[in-house]
Protein backbone atom coordinates (compact mmCIF):
# COMPACT_ATOMS: atom_id res chain seq x y z
CA MET A 1 319.76 7.28 74.05
CA ALA A 2 316.06 8.24 74.29
CA SER A 3 314.75 4.76 73.55
CA ARG A 4 317.04 3.19 76.17
CA SER A 5 316.67 5.87 78.84
CA ARG A 6 314.41 5.65 81.84
CA PHE A 7 312.36 8.83 81.79
CA ARG A 8 310.61 10.10 84.90
CA THR A 9 308.17 12.95 85.42
CA SER A 10 309.77 16.02 86.86
CA SER A 11 308.91 16.47 90.53
CA HIS A 12 308.26 20.15 89.77
CA SER A 13 305.57 19.44 87.19
CA ALA A 14 303.87 16.36 88.66
CA THR A 15 300.70 18.23 89.62
CA GLU A 16 300.53 20.51 86.59
CA SER A 17 298.91 19.82 83.24
CA HIS A 18 302.10 20.78 81.37
CA CYS A 19 304.55 18.06 82.40
CA VAL A 20 308.05 17.29 81.29
CA GLU A 21 310.01 14.10 81.76
CA VAL A 22 313.73 13.84 82.38
CA ALA A 23 316.25 11.04 81.97
CA ASP A 24 319.84 10.83 83.12
CA ALA A 25 322.75 9.19 81.34
CA PRO A 26 326.50 9.33 81.88
CA GLY A 27 327.51 12.88 81.00
CA ALA A 28 324.07 13.97 79.76
CA SER A 29 320.39 14.53 80.50
CA ALA A 30 317.35 14.37 78.24
CA VAL A 31 314.04 16.22 78.48
CA ARG A 32 310.78 15.48 76.67
CA ASP A 33 307.14 16.59 76.72
CA THR A 34 304.95 14.06 78.52
CA LYS A 35 302.01 14.72 76.18
CA HIS A 36 304.09 14.41 73.00
CA ARG A 37 306.68 11.71 73.64
CA GLU A 38 306.64 10.78 69.95
CA LEU A 39 308.37 14.08 69.13
CA GLY A 40 311.58 12.93 70.81
CA ALA A 41 313.74 14.57 73.43
CA LEU A 42 316.24 17.37 73.85
CA PHE A 43 319.69 16.32 75.06
CA PHE A 44 322.04 18.40 77.18
CA GLY A 45 325.56 17.78 78.42
CA SER A 46 325.88 17.61 82.20
CA PRO A 47 327.45 21.11 82.60
CA GLU A 48 324.69 22.73 80.53
CA TRP A 49 321.93 20.85 82.34
CA ARG A 50 323.41 21.74 85.75
CA ALA A 51 323.58 25.42 84.75
CA PHE A 52 319.95 25.35 83.61
CA VAL A 53 318.72 23.69 86.82
CA ASP A 54 320.74 26.10 88.98
CA ALA A 55 319.33 29.11 87.10
CA ALA A 56 315.78 27.76 87.39
CA LYS A 57 316.20 27.27 91.14
CA ARG A 58 317.26 30.91 91.45
CA ASP A 59 314.29 32.02 89.29
CA ARG A 60 316.60 33.53 86.67
CA PHE A 61 314.15 33.13 83.78
């Protein structure tokens, strides 16, 4: 999936030096480090990704 996915820089890290990129696919999302794309990506099912994003928005970390 990573090689075929369209990654974009997260809007929350666009002005920071530590950026991540995200890509969406049916039923999943992928995340990778902008500075180290060659290391691959982490993949999450949609329910897990949604739970992570919701928790981050509520500053639960």
